[in-house]
Amino acid sequence: EELLLLICSYLDAQALGRLGQVCRRLRFLSSRDLLAAGIPVKERVKVSQNWRHGRCRRETVLKWKCLMPWMELDGEYLYLSQAENIQAYRLCPDGTGLQRHPEAIFSGHQEDVCRFVLVNSHIVSGGGDGNIVLHKIHGSYSIKFSAHEQEVNCVDFQGGLIVSGSRDRTAKVWSLSAGRVGQCLHTVQTEDRVWSIAISPLLSSFVTGTACCGHTSPLRIWDLESGQLLTCLGTDFHHGAGVLDVFYETPSLLLSCGYDTYIRYWDIRTSTRKCVQEWEEPHDSALYCIRSDKNHMIASGSSYYGVVRLWDKRQTRCLQSFHLSSPTSSPVYCLRFSTTHLYAALASALHVLDFTAP
């Protein structure tokens, strides 16, 4: 598959369209996000001993038809998007996984949920229908409003404000204060598709990660109050090196990953032109998601064969890797982890790695 993608990466849009008419396999390859982005393949808690040495028990706890799921962890529950719904699963007290049937289902979208966040007992989701839906977990309270002209690829929610990013090349700031619920405060013209978004812990700014199909950096920081551009991060991104996930560790420390196969660690206090540290995915795969324990540990999810990698910031190479969907291939769309477990959502299953195994 990697060799076919390499060949396909040299084709223009018209040639890819013709190639996709040959057979189902080539149609699937020619429609991959990696090719649509136009990226050349090459350009493109403290760790326990079990984590460090890769000793774990692996389990597939849920299966479904092919989806692009997202998830959040909250105490005793795992929230997982499946098609147009978000389902809440109780984690088993013995740490063996989660219950097979959801205890609650949150609906409201007419198309698939693209991303959602869980903050202060509220779920905020963006969907392929262009809408944003707000649910209160312990109650029947919910709000739905039209947000974008195309799918809402990403959302974040903090301090009574929602930020959203869309395929329609805009990012928007929304109010949830009394009397102004669902009111758009700012519309930012990003001039590129927005894949990821995050509000700074200081609630003063937010960062957008875009497809990098234009002439500006795909990582930009905007003022939350005025919607004005504050700064661009980096200067050496290749065309098509879209940023698929961003994660704030602190108000000044930020992690990013995407189609160019790199995890980048930014310290806004020292430099906005160059990241302070970077790690390259060794098999040249796009990175769909990242998470950090806000200490030394980073987990990343790759676009091929459900590969999850564990990284130690104090080292230059990958600490451990786990192939969760071999021999078939699937991206890791989302992952979350604690000091004992790691949850990875693939195209057709949710996998759990238990690092308490002997």
Foldseek 3Di string as FASTA:
>chain_A
DVVVLQVLLVDDPVVLVVQLVPDVVSVVSSPDLLSVLSDNLQQAVDADPLRLVVDWDKDFQDWAAFDLKEWDDDVQWIWMWDWQKIFIWGADPVRPGTDHDGPDIDGDDPTGWQDWDADPQKIWTWFQVQKIKIDRNPDGDIDIDRHDPGTFNEWDDDDQWIWTFAQVQWIWIAGCDPPGHRPTPDIARRVFGWQYKDAAPVNQKIWTWGQQQDQAARIWIAGNNPRHTDDAAEDDRDRRNTWNYKDDLHNQWIWIFFTRQKIFIAGNVPDRHHGPDMAGDVVSFGWNDKDDPSPFWIWTKGAWQGKIWIGGNVDRYTSDIDRDRPPHIWTFNYWDDDNAKIWTDTRTTIMMIGSVDD
